[in-house]
PDB file of N, CA and C in Angstrom:
ATOM      1  N   MET A   1       1.065  -1.066   0.163  1.00  0.00           N
ATOM      2  CA  MET A   1       0.050   0.058   0.101  1.00  0.00           C
ATOM      3  C   MET A   1       0.976   1.211  -0.135  1.00  0.00           C
ATOM      4  N   ALA A   2       0.206   2.107  -0.535  1.00  0.00           N
ATOM      5  CA  ALA A   2       1.250   3.406  -0.599  1.00  0.00           C
ATOM      6  C   ALA A   2       0.061   5.159  -0.291  1.00  0.00           C
ATOM      7  N   ILE A   3       0.470   5.323   0.940  1.00  0.00           N
ATOM      8  CA  ILE A   3      -0.312   6.530   1.117  1.00  0.00           C
ATOM      9  C   ILE A   3       0.454   7.939   0.179  1.00  0.00           C
ATOM     10  N   ILE A   4      -0.426   8.461  -0.337  1.00  0.00           N
ATOM     11  CA  ILE A   4       0.271   9.897  -1.341  1.00  0.00           C
ATOM     12  C   ILE A   4      -0.373  10.711  -0.867  1.00  0.00           C
ATOM     13  N   LYS A   5       0.078  11.855  -0.589  1.00  0.00           N
ATOM     14  CA  LYS A   5      -1.174  13.314  -0.497  1.00  0.00           C
ATOM     15  C   LYS A   5      -1.064  13.984  -2.012  1.00  0.00           C
ATOM     16  N   LEU A   6      -2.524  14.077  -2.159  1.00  0.00           N
ATOM     17  CA  LEU A   6      -2.208  14.926  -3.191  1.00  0.00           C
ATOM     18  C   LEU A   6      -2.161  16.319  -3.407  1.00  0.00           C
ATOM     19  N   GLU A   7      -1.267  16.772  -4.120  1.00  0.00           N
ATOM     20  CA  GLU A   7      -1.194  18.620  -4.798  1.00  0.00           C
ATOM     21  C   GLU A   7      -2.777  19.059  -4.808  1.00  0.00           C
ATOM     22  N   THR A   8      -3.172  19.828  -4.315  1.00  0.00           N
ATOM     23  CA  THR A   8      -3.956  20.535  -4.426  1.00  0.00           C
ATOM     24  C   THR A   8      -4.909  21.198  -5.951  1.00  0.00           C
ATOM     25  N   ALA A   9      -3.548  21.423  -6.497  1.00  0.00           N
ATOM     26  CA  ALA A   9      -3.781  21.321  -8.319  1.00  0.00           C
ATOM     27  C   ALA A   9      -4.461  20.236  -9.193  1.00  0.00           C
ATOM     28  N   SER A  10      -4.110  18.943  -8.625  1.00  0.00           N
ATOM     29  CA  SER A  10      -4.819  17.963  -8.969  1.00  0.00           C
ATOM     30  C   SER A  10      -6.188  17.507  -8.452  1.00  0.00           C
ATOM     31  N   TRP A  11      -6.769  18.053  -7.477  1.00  0.00           N
ATOM     32  CA  TRP A  11      -7.716  17.678  -6.727  1.00  0.00           C
ATOM     33  C   TRP A  11      -9.300  16.978  -7.628  1.00  0.00           C
ATOM     34  N   GLY A  12      -9.174  18.000  -8.572  1.00  0.00           N
ATOM     35  CA  GLY A  12     -10.229  17.873  -9.183  1.00  0.00           C
ATOM     36  C   GLY A  12     -10.320  16.584 -10.363  1.00  0.00           C
ATOM     37  N   SER A  13      -9.122  16.570 -11.001  1.00  0.00           N
ATOM     38  CA  SER A  13      -8.895  15.742 -12.438  1.00  0.00           C
ATOM     39  C   SER A  13      -8.531  14.110 -11.231  1.00  0.00           C
ATOM     40  N   TYR A  14      -7.916  14.664 -10.259  1.00  0.00           N
ATOM     41  CA  TYR A  14      -7.935  13.029  -9.934  1.00  0.00           C
ATOM     42  C   TYR A  14      -9.374  12.476  -9.078  1.00  0.00           C
ATOM     43  N   LEU A  15      -9.870  13.464  -8.795  1.00  0.00           N
ATOM     44  CA  LEU A  15     -11.545  12.942  -8.150  1.00  0.00           C
ATOM     45  C   LEU A  15     -12.085  12.433  -9.536  1.00  0.00           C
ATOM     46  N   ASP A  16     -11.851  13.363 -10.409  1.00  0.00           N
ATOM     47  CA  ASP A  16     -12.495  13.010 -11.584  1.00  0.00           C
ATOM     48  C   ASP A  16     -12.945  11.727 -12.407  1.00  0.00           C
ATOM     49  N   LYS A  17     -11.382  11.387 -12.656  1.00  0.00           N
ATOM     50  CA  LYS A  17     -10.856  10.279 -13.001  1.00  0.00           C
ATOM     51  C   LYS A  17     -10.996   8.895 -11.824  1.00  0.00           C
ATOM     52  N   PHE A  18     -10.932   9.147 -10.871  1.00  0.00           N
ATOM     53  CA  PHE A  18     -11.302   8.351  -9.667  1.00  0.00           C
ATOM     54  C   PHE A  18     -13.087   7.808  -9.806  1.00  0.00           C
ATOM     55  N   SER A  19     -13.700   8.546  -9.898  1.00  0.00           N
ATOM     56  CA  SER A  19     -15.084   8.390  -9.770  1.00  0.00           C
ATOM     57  C   SER A  19     -15.534   7.560 -10.941  1.00  0.00           C
ATOM     58  N   VAL A  20     -14.729   8.150 -12.026  1.00  0.00           N
ATOM     59  CA  VAL A  20     -15.184   7.000 -13.694  1.00  0.00           C
ATOM     60  C   VAL A  20     -14.873   5.150 -13.172  1.00  0.00           C
ATOM     61  N   ASN A  21     -14.358   5.216 -12.051  1.00  0.00           N
ATOM     62  CA  ASN A  21     -14.034   3.670 -11.908  1.00  0.00           C
ATOM     63  C   ASN A  21     -14.861   3.220 -10.748  1.00  0.00           C
ATOM     64  N   LEU A  22     -16.093   3.616 -10.347  1.00  0.00           N
ATOM     65  CA  LEU A  22     -17.049   3.337  -9.238  1.00  0.00           C
ATOM     66  C   LEU A  22     -17.801   2.919  -9.476  1.00  0.00           C
ATOM     67  N   PRO A  23     -18.803   1.929 -10.229  1.00  0.00           N
ATOM     68  CA  PRO A  23     -19.608   1.425 -10.213  1.00  0.00           C
ATOM     69  C   PRO A  23     -19.903   0.318  -9.862  1.00  0.00           C
ATOM     70  N   GLN A  24     -18.914  -0.216  -8.934  1.00  0.00           N
ATOM     71  CA  GLN A  24     -19.207  -1.390  -8.064  1.00  0.00           C
ATOM     72  C   GLN A  24     -18.460  -1.628  -6.858  1.00  0.00           C
ATOM     73  N   GLN A  25     -18.396  -0.146  -6.452  1.00  0.00           N
ATOM     74  CA  GLN A  25     -17.374   0.267  -4.810  1.00  0.00           C
ATOM     75  C   GLN A  25     -18.664   0.330  -4.026  1.00  0.00           C
ATOM     76  N   GLU A  26     -18.746   0.165  -3.054  1.00  0.00           N
ATOM     77  CA  GLU A  26     -19.193   0.520  -1.333  1.00  0.00           C
ATOM     78  C   GLU A  26     -18.202   1.290  -0.623  1.00  0.00           C
ATOM     79  N   ALA A  27     -19.166   2.246   0.364  1.00  0.00           N
ATOM     80  CA  ALA A  27     -17.907   2.667   0.858  1.00  0.00           C
ATOM     81  C   ALA A  27     -18.495   3.039   2.279  1.00  0.00           C
ATOM     82  N   GLU A  28     -17.741   3.141   3.793  1.00  0.00           N
ATOM     83  CA  GLU A  28     -18.004   3.537   4.504  1.00  0.00           C
ATOM     84  C   GLU A  28     -17.372   4.842   5.036  1.00  0.00           C
ATOM     85  N   ILE A  29     -18.022   5.963   5.826  1.00  0.00           N
ATOM     86  CA  ILE A  29     -17.577   7.007   5.801  1.00  0.00           C
ATOM     87  C   ILE A  29     -17.154   7.280   7.015  1.00  0.00           C
ATOM     88  N   MET A  30     -15.732   7.840   7.693  1.00  0.00           N
ATOM     89  CA  MET A  30     -15.904   8.079   9.266  1.00  0.00           C
ATOM     90  C   MET A  30     -15.708   9.358   9.259  1.00  0.00           C
ATOM     91  N   VAL A  31     -15.979  10.529  10.005  1.00  0.00           N
ATOM     92  CA  VAL A  31     -15.564  11.559  10.419  1.00  0.00           C
ATOM     93  C   VAL A  31     -15.040  11.340  12.108  1.00  0.00           C
ATOM     94  N   GLU A  32     -13.847  12.288  12.175  1.00  0.00           N
ATOM     95  CA  GLU A  32     -13.153  12.172  13.187  1.00  0.00           C
ATOM     96  C   GLU A  32     -12.352  13.809  13.497  1.00  0.00           C
ATOM     97  N   SER A  33     -12.545  13.996  14.881  1.00  0.00           N
ATOM     98  CA  SER A  33     -12.094  15.383  14.841  1.00  0.00           C
ATOM     99  C   SER A  33     -11.782  15.713  16.938  1.00  0.00           C
ATOM    100  N   LEU A  34     -11.244  16.176  17.234  1.00  0.00           N
ATOM    101  CA  LEU A  34     -11.085  16.552  18.536  1.00  0.00           C
ATOM    102  C   LEU A  34     -12.645  16.450  19.504  1.00  0.00           C
ATOM    103  N   LYS A  35     -12.843  17.787  18.744  1.00  0.00           N
ATOM    104  CA  LYS A  35     -14.134  17.968  19.270  1.00  0.00           C
ATOM    105  C   LYS A  35     -15.498  16.906  19.238  1.00  0.00           C
ATOM    106  N   LEU A  36     -15.536  16.228  17.698  1.00  0.00           N
ATOM    107  CA  LEU A  36     -16.745  15.606  17.804  1.00  0.00           C
ATOM    108  C   LEU A  36     -16.449  14.268  18.283  1.00  0.00           C
ATOM    109  N   GLY A  37     -15.329  13.519  18.142  1.00  0.00           N
ATOM    110  CA  GLY A  37     -14.457  12.423  18.613  1.00  0.00           C
ATOM    111  C   GLY A  37     -14.980  11.278  17.472  1.00  0.00           C
ATOM    112  N   SER A  38     -15.241  10.532  17.044  1.00  0.00           N
ATOM    113  CA  SER A  38     -14.982   9.339  16.058  1.00  0.00           C
ATOM    114  C   SER A  38     -16.556   9.094  15.725  1.00  0.00           C
ATOM    115  N   GLN A  39     -17.443   9.334  14.637  1.00  0.00           N
ATOM    116  CA  GLN A  39     -18.477   9.048  14.340  1.00  0.00           C
ATOM    117  C   GLN A  39     -18.443   8.111  12.343  1.00  0.00           C
ATOM    118  N   ILE A  40     -19.240   7.205  12.759  1.00  0.00           N
ATOM    119  CA  ILE A  40     -19.575   6.592  11.239  1.00  0.00           C
ATOM    120  C   ILE A  40     -20.814   7.133  10.759  1.00  0.00           C
ATOM    121  N   GLU A  41     -20.493   8.141   9.156  1.00  0.00           N
ATOM    122  CA  GLU A  41     -21.716   8.464   8.591  1.00  0.00           C
ATOM    123  C   GLU A  41     -22.624   7.625   7.846  1.00  0.00           C
ATOM    124  N   ALA A  42     -21.393   6.645   7.385  1.00  0.00           N
ATOM    125  CA  ALA A  42     -22.310   5.871   5.894  1.00  0.00           C
ATOM    126  C   ALA A  42     -21.667   4.341   6.131  1.00  0.00           C
ATOM    127  N   GLN A  43     -22.344   3.302   5.720  1.00  0.00           N
ATOM    128  CA  GLN A  43     -21.760   1.942   5.909  1.00  0.00           C
ATOM    129  C   GLN A  43     -22.476   1.218   5.088  1.00  0.00           C
ATOM    130  N   SER A  44     -21.363   0.173   4.329  1.00  0.00           N
ATOM    131  CA  SER A  44     -21.896  -0.206   3.254  1.00  0.00           C
ATOM    132  C   SER A  44     -23.094   0.380   2.299  1.00  0.00           C
ATOM    133  N   VAL A  45     -22.395   1.716   1.784  1.00  0.00           N
ATOM    134  CA  VAL A  45     -23.295   2.090   0.905  1.00  0.00           C
ATOM    135  C   VAL A  45     -22.720   2.444  -0.505  1.00  0.00           C
ATOM    136  N   ARG A  46     -23.621   1.946  -1.457  1.00  0.00           N
ATOM    137  CA  ARG A  46     -23.089   2.346  -2.790  1.00  0.00           C
ATOM    138  C   ARG A  46     -22.715   3.595  -2.874  1.00  0.00           C
ATOM    139  N   LEU A  47     -21.162   3.715  -3.865  1.00  0.00           N
ATOM    140  CA  LEU A  47     -20.493   4.961  -3.794  1.00  0.00           C
ATOM    141  C   LEU A  47     -20.786   5.334  -5.071  1.00  0.00           C
ATOM    142  N   TYR A  48     -21.150   6.603  -5.344  1.00  0.00           N
ATOM    143  CA  TYR A  48     -21.089   7.157  -7.154  1.00  0.00           C
ATOM    144  C   TYR A  48     -20.099   7.757  -7.407  1.00  0.00           C
ATOM    145  N   SER A  49     -19.738   8.677  -6.416  1.00  0.00           N
ATOM    146  CA  SER A  49     -18.684   9.488  -7.036  1.00  0.00           C
ATOM    147  C   SER A  49     -18.208  10.179  -5.850  1.00  0.00           C
ATOM    148  N   VAL A  50     -16.929  11.116  -5.843  1.00  0.00           N
ATOM    149  CA  VAL A  50     -16.470  12.088  -5.362  1.00  0.00           C
ATOM    150  C   VAL A  50     -15.801  13.056  -6.565  1.00  0.00           C
ATOM    151  N   ASN A  51     -16.190  14.204  -5.851  1.00  0.00           N
ATOM    152  CA  ASN A  51     -15.567  15.374  -7.187  1.00  0.00           C
ATOM    153  C   ASN A  51     -15.501  16.631  -5.715  1.00  0.00           C
ATOM    154  N   TYR A  52     -14.565  17.400  -6.625  1.00  0.00           N
ATOM    155  CA  TYR A  52     -13.960  18.755  -5.565  1.00  0.00           C
ATOM    156  C   TYR A  52     -14.454  20.035  -6.617  1.00  0.00           C
ATOM    157  N   ASP A  53     -15.400  20.628  -6.170  1.00  0.00           N
ATOM    158  CA  ASP A  53     -16.179  21.848  -6.551  1.00  0.00           C
ATOM    159  C   ASP A  53     -14.612  22.894  -6.386  1.00  0.00           C
ATOM    160  N   HIS A  54     -14.238  23.550  -7.127  1.00  0.00           N
ATOM    161  CA  HIS A  54     -13.557  24.288  -6.610  1.00  0.00           C
ATOM    162  C   HIS A  54     -14.147  26.080  -6.420  1.00  0.00           C
ATOM    163  N   LYS A  55     -14.824  26.260  -7.198  1.00  0.00           N
ATOM    164  CA  LYS A  55     -15.985  27.558  -7.159  1.00  0.00           C
ATOM    165  C   LYS A  55     -15.687  27.561  -5.592  1.00  0.00           C
ATOM    166  N   ASP A  56     -16.791  26.797  -5.237  1.00  0.00           N
ATOM    167  CA  ASP A  56     -17.398  26.544  -3.404  1.00  0.00           C
ATOM    168  C   ASP A  56     -16.341  26.430  -2.523  1.00  0.00           C
ATOM    169  N   ASP A  57     -15.114  25.146  -3.123  1.00  0.00           N
ATOM    170  CA  ASP A  57     -14.102  25.035  -2.314  1.00  0.00           C
ATOM    171  C   ASP A  57     -14.554  24.076  -1.423  1.00  0.00           C
ATOM    172  N   ILE A  58     -15.173  22.896  -1.980  1.00  0.00           N
ATOM    173  CA  ILE A  58     -16.158  21.831  -1.331  1.00  0.00           C
ATOM    174  C   ILE A  58     -15.497  20.511  -2.053  1.00  0.00           C
ATOM    175  N   ILE A  59     -15.733  19.486  -1.534  1.00  0.00           N
ATOM    176  CA  ILE A  59     -15.594  18.014  -2.092  1.00  0.00           C
ATOM    177  C   ILE A  59     -17.208  17.715  -1.812  1.00  0.00           C
ATOM    178  N   ILE A  60     -17.892  16.632  -2.596  1.00  0.00           N
ATOM    179  CA  ILE A  60     -19.005  15.972  -2.857  1.00  0.00           C
ATOM    180  C   ILE A  60     -18.780  14.688  -2.674  1.00  0.00           C
ATOM    181  N   VAL A  61     -19.202  14.162  -2.093  1.00  0.00           N
ATOM    182  CA  VAL A  61     -19.101  12.307  -1.710  1.00  0.00           C
ATOM    183  C   VAL A  61     -20.673  12.055  -1.737  1.00  0.00           C
ATOM    184  N   SER A  62     -20.627  11.435  -3.392  1.00  0.00           N
ATOM    185  CA  SER A  62     -22.316  11.204  -3.495  1.00  0.00           C
ATOM    186  C   SER A  62     -22.527   9.583  -3.557  1.00  0.00           C
ATOM    187  N   LEU A  63     -23.395   9.420  -2.666  1.00  0.00           N
ATOM    188  CA  LEU A  63     -23.806   8.096  -2.488  1.00  0.00           C
ATOM    189  C   LEU A  63     -25.142   7.748  -2.280  1.00  0.00           C
ATOM    190  N   GLU A  64     -25.412   5.944  -2.521  1.00  0.00           N
ATOM    191  CA  GLU A  64     -26.922   6.125  -2.638  1.00  0.00           C
ATOM    192  C   GLU A  64     -27.751   6.470  -1.358  1.00  0.00           C
ATOM    193  N   GLY A  65     -28.641   7.574  -1.848  1.00  0.00           N
ATOM    194  CA  GLY A  65     -29.198   7.816  -0.551  1.00  0.00           C
ATOM    195  C   GLY A  65     -28.849   8.924   0.134  1.00  0.00           C
ATOM    196  N   LEU A  66     -27.292   9.184   0.024  1.00  0.00           N
ATOM    197  CA  LEU A  66     -26.788  10.579   0.807  1.00  0.00           C
ATOM    198  C   LEU A  66     -25.785  11.461   0.123  1.00  0.00           C
ATOM    199  N   GLU A  67     -25.410  12.299   0.758  1.00  0.00           N
ATOM    200  CA  GLU A  67     -24.599  13.639   0.284  1.00  0.00           C
ATOM    201  C   GLU A  67     -24.065  13.827   1.333  1.00  0.00           C
ATOM    202  N   HIS A  68     -22.516  13.462   1.097  1.00  0.00           N
ATOM    203  CA  HIS A  68     -21.343  13.964   2.373  1.00  0.00           C
ATOM    204  C   HIS A  68     -20.524  15.341   1.686  1.00  0.00           C
ATOM    205  N   ILE A  69     -20.872  16.265   2.627  1.00  0.00           N
ATOM    206  CA  ILE A  69     -20.369  17.228   1.640  1.00  0.00           C
ATOM    207  C   ILE A  69     -18.925  17.808   2.722  1.00  0.00           C
ATOM    208  N   ILE A  70     -17.996  18.300   2.095  1.00  0.00           N
ATOM    209  CA  ILE A  70     -16.618  18.281   2.748  1.00  0.00           C
ATOM    210  C   ILE A  70     -16.039  19.898   2.672  1.00  0.00           C
ATOM    211  N   HIS A  71     -16.622  20.573   3.349  1.00  0.00           N
ATOM    212  CA  HIS A  71     -16.257  22.255   3.220  1.00  0.00           C
ATOM    213  C   HIS A  71     -14.820  22.503   3.689  1.00  0.00           C
ATOM    214  N   ARG A  72     -14.172  23.620   2.576  1.00  0.00           N
ATOM    215  CA  ARG A  72     -12.529  24.042   2.616  1.00  0.00           C
ATOM    216  C   ARG A  72     -12.183  22.975   3.130  1.00  0.00           C
ATOM    217  N   PRO A  73     -11.618  21.750   2.064  1.00  0.00           N
ATOM    218  CA  PRO A  73     -10.492  21.013   2.440  1.00  0.00           C
ATOM    219  C   PRO A  73      -9.099  21.322   2.350  1.00  0.00           C
ATOM    220  N   VAL A  74      -8.544  20.962   2.867  1.00  0.00           N
ATOM    221  CA  VAL A  74      -6.907  21.412   3.337  1.00  0.00           C
ATOM    222  C   VAL A  74      -5.686  20.447   2.825  1.00  0.00           C
ATOM    223  N   SER A  75      -6.382  19.092   3.072  1.00  0.00           N
ATOM    224  CA  SER A  75      -5.606  18.069   2.739  1.00  0.00           C
ATOM    225  C   SER A  75      -6.239  16.759   2.119  1.00  0.00           C
ATOM    226  N   ILE A  76      -5.660  16.088   0.994  1.00  0.00           N
ATOM    227  CA  ILE A  76      -6.493  14.792   0.329  1.00  0.00           C
ATOM    228  C   ILE A  76      -4.836  13.650   0.520  1.00  0.00           C
ATOM    229  N   PHE A  77      -5.150  12.723   0.951  1.00  0.00           N
ATOM    230  CA  PHE A  77      -4.531  11.746   1.124  1.00  0.00           C
ATOM    231  C   PHE A  77      -5.014  10.295   0.459  1.00  0.00           C
ATOM    232  N   VAL A  78      -4.693   9.892  -0.451  1.00  0.00           N
ATOM    233  CA  VAL A  78      -5.063   8.727  -1.313  1.00  0.00           C
ATOM    234  C   VAL A  78      -4.239   7.337  -0.710  1.00  0.00           C
ATOM    235  N   ASP A  79      -5.012   6.356  -0.194  1.00  0.00           N
ATOM    236  CA  ASP A  79      -4.084   4.812   0.002  1.00  0.00           C
ATOM    237  C   ASP A  79      -4.988   4.415  -1.256  1.00  0.00           C
ATOM    238  N   GLU A  80      -3.659   3.730  -1.802  1.00  0.00           N
ATOM    239  CA  GLU A  80      -3.337   2.941  -3.233  1.00  0.00           C
ATOM    240  C   GLU A  80      -2.756   1.461  -2.751  1.00  0.00           C
ATOM    241  N   ALA A  81      -3.750   0.381  -3.114  1.00  0.00           N
ATOM    242  CA  ALA A  81      -2.928  -0.610  -3.195  1.00  0.00           C
ATOM    243  C   ALA A  81      -3.065  -1.703  -4.921  1.00  0.00           C
ATOM    244  N   GLU A  82      -2.269  -1.896  -5.399  1.00  0.00           N
ATOM    245  CA  GLU A  82      -2.373  -2.514  -6.396  1.00  0.00           C
ATOM    246  C   GLU A  82      -2.732  -1.833  -7.636  1.00  0.00           C
ATOM    247  N   GLY A  83      -2.711  -0.645  -7.688  1.00  0.00           N
ATOM    248  CA  GLY A  83      -3.324   0.623  -8.803  1.00  0.00           C
ATOM    249  C   GLY A  83      -4.821   0.735  -8.556  1.00  0.00           C
ATOM    250  N   GLN A  84      -5.327   0.269  -7.321  1.00  0.00           N
ATOM    251  CA  GLN A  84      -6.983   0.874  -7.083  1.00  0.00           C
ATOM    252  C   GLN A  84      -7.091   1.084  -5.613  1.00  0.00           C
ATOM    253  N   VAL A  85      -8.031   2.262  -5.399  1.00  0.00           N
ATOM    254  CA  VAL A  85      -8.032   3.203  -4.562  1.00  0.00           C
ATOM    255  C   VAL A  85      -8.393   2.835  -3.450  1.00  0.00           C
ATOM    256  N   MET A  86      -7.898   1.913  -1.876  1.00  0.00           N
ATOM    257  CA  MET A  86      -8.298   1.555  -1.025  1.00  0.00           C
ATOM    258  C   MET A  86      -9.347   2.816   0.033  1.00  0.00           C
ATOM    259  N   SER A  87      -8.798   3.791   0.363  1.00  0.00           N
ATOM    260  CA  SER A  87      -9.356   4.972   0.857  1.00  0.00           C
ATOM    261  C   SER A  87      -8.784   6.110   0.823  1.00  0.00           C
ATOM    262  N   LEU A  88      -9.555   7.014   1.178  1.00  0.00           N
ATOM    263  CA  LEU A  88      -9.417   8.452   0.719  1.00  0.00           C
ATOM    264  C   LEU A  88      -9.947   9.398   1.882  1.00  0.00           C
ATOM    265  N   GLU A  89      -8.555  10.128   2.463  1.00  0.00           N
ATOM    266  CA  GLU A  89      -8.720  11.008   3.662  1.00  0.00           C
ATOM    267  C   GLU A  89      -8.748  12.375   3.151  1.00  0.00           C
ATOM    268  N   VAL A  90      -9.829  13.030   3.394  1.00  0.00           N
ATOM    269  CA  VAL A  90      -9.709  14.642   3.182  1.00  0.00           C
ATOM    270  C   VAL A  90      -9.767  15.462   4.855  1.00  0.00           C
ATOM    271  N   ILE A  91      -8.936  16.563   4.539  1.00  0.00           N
ATOM    272  CA  ILE A  91      -8.794  17.127   6.076  1.00  0.00           C
ATOM    273  C   ILE A  91      -8.954  18.917   5.860  1.00  0.00           C
ATOM    274  N   ASP A  92     -10.456  18.700   6.676  1.00  0.00           N
ATOM    275  CA  ASP A  92     -11.024  20.133   6.540  1.00  0.00           C
ATOM    276  C   ASP A  92      -9.898  21.460   7.367  1.00  0.00           C
ATOM    277  N   ARG A  93     -10.187  22.746   6.939  1.00  0.00           N
ATOM    278  CA  ARG A  93      -9.873  23.672   7.657  1.00  0.00           C
ATOM    279  C   ARG A  93     -10.447  23.562   9.328  1.00  0.00           C
ATOM    280  N   GLU A  94     -11.085  22.644   9.708  1.00  0.00           N
ATOM    281  CA  GLU A  94     -11.702  22.981  11.175  1.00  0.00           C
ATOM    282  C   GLU A  94     -10.839  21.819  11.528  1.00  0.00           C
ATOM    283  N   ASP A  95      -9.828  20.720  11.133  1.00  0.00           N
ATOM    284  CA  ASP A  95      -9.424  19.533  11.222  1.00  0.00           C
ATOM    285  C   ASP A  95     -10.137  18.604  11.280  1.00  0.00           C
ATOM    286  N   MET A  96     -11.244  18.409  10.775  1.00  0.00           N
ATOM    287  CA  MET A  96     -11.995  17.354  11.178  1.00  0.00           C
ATOM    288  C   MET A  96     -11.512  16.554  10.032  1.00  0.00           C
ATOM    289  N   HIS A  97     -11.291  15.343  10.301  1.00  0.00           N
ATOM    290  CA  HIS A  97     -10.830  13.988   9.146  1.00  0.00           C
ATOM    291  C   HIS A  97     -11.908  13.305   8.898  1.00  0.00           C
ATOM    292  N   HIS A  98     -12.428  13.011   7.302  1.00  0.00           N
ATOM    293  CA  HIS A  98     -13.096  12.574   6.667  1.00  0.00           C
ATOM    294  C   HIS A  98     -12.569  11.019   6.154  1.00  0.00           C
ATOM    295  N   LEU A  99     -13.055   9.943   6.657  1.00  0.00           N
ATOM    296  CA  LEU A  99     -12.374   9.339   6.081  1.00  0.00           C
ATOM    297  C   LEU A  99     -13.132   8.123   4.991  1.00  0.00           C
ATOM    298  N   ILE A 100     -13.160   8.156   4.154  1.00  0.00           N
ATOM    299  CA  ILE A 100     -13.607   7.181   3.499  1.00  0.00           C
ATOM    300  C   ILE A 100     -13.081   6.084   2.253  1.00  0.00           C
ATOM    301  N   LEU A 101     -13.371   4.636   3.349  1.00  0.00           N
ATOM    302  CA  LEU A 101     -13.030   3.386   3.133  1.00  0.00           C
ATOM    303  C   LEU A 101     -13.917   2.831   1.958  1.00  0.00           C
ATOM    304  N   LEU A 102     -13.216   2.095   0.762  1.00  0.00           N
ATOM    305  CA  LEU A 102     -13.787   1.597  -0.307  1.00  0.00           C
ATOM    306  C   LEU A 102     -13.524  -0.166  -0.129  1.00  0.00           C
ATOM    307  N   ARG A 103     -14.462  -0.776  -0.825  1.00  0.00           N
ATOM    308  CA  ARG A 103     -14.337  -2.091  -1.181  1.00  0.00           C
ATOM    309  C   ARG A 103     -14.749  -2.280  -2.313  1.00  0.00           C
ATOM    310  N   ASN A 104     -15.116  -3.542  -2.672  1.00  0.00           N
ATOM    311  CA  ASN A 104     -15.617  -3.891  -3.911  1.00  0.00           C
ATOM    312  C   ASN A 104     -17.328  -4.200  -3.449  1.00  0.00           C
ATOM    313  N   LYS A 105     -18.231  -3.932  -4.201  1.00  0.00           N
ATOM    314  CA  LYS A 105     -19.460  -3.911  -3.749  1.00  0.00           C
ATOM    315  C   LYS A 105     -20.010  -6.096  -3.571  1.00  0.00           C
ATOM    316  N   THR A 106     -20.527  -6.129  -2.779  1.00  0.00           N
ATOM    317  CA  THR A 106     -20.873  -7.748  -2.715  1.00  0.00           C
ATOM    318  C   THR A 106     -22.366  -7.921  -3.353  1.00  0.00           C
ATOM    319  N   THR A 107     -22.245  -9.032  -4.366  1.00  0.00           N
ATOM    320  CA  THR A 107     -23.832  -9.453  -4.956  1.00  0.00           C
ATOM    321  C   THR A 107     -24.451 -10.515  -4.026  1.00  0.00           C
ATOM    322  N   SER A 108     -25.462 -10.129  -3.953  1.00  0.00           N
ATOM    323  CA  SER A 108     -26.635 -10.902  -3.072  1.00  0.00           C
ATOM    324  C   SER A 108     -26.872 -12.185  -3.858  1.00  0.00           C
TER     325      SER A 108
END
């Protein structure tokens, strides 16, 4: 596994390219901060896209039945293994950590 920090200028293009490969991905979103503690916002939910809107300075995580919006991101870290993204961590200006864990969607 390799954790890389994305350069701010590449956020939009990286996340757009990443979102193209998501049809069979599920996600868990955890939010952590000193003030909030650790909370799970979504678990085993189909992930549709992750996009950066530079105009509004937000990251939009679109999931089945939910949108998770991260305001004023300052850092994005990506954990990749064998060419696949395993997780994304976004840290915002309030020092909240938004961890998006990915896995292949299981079929019933």
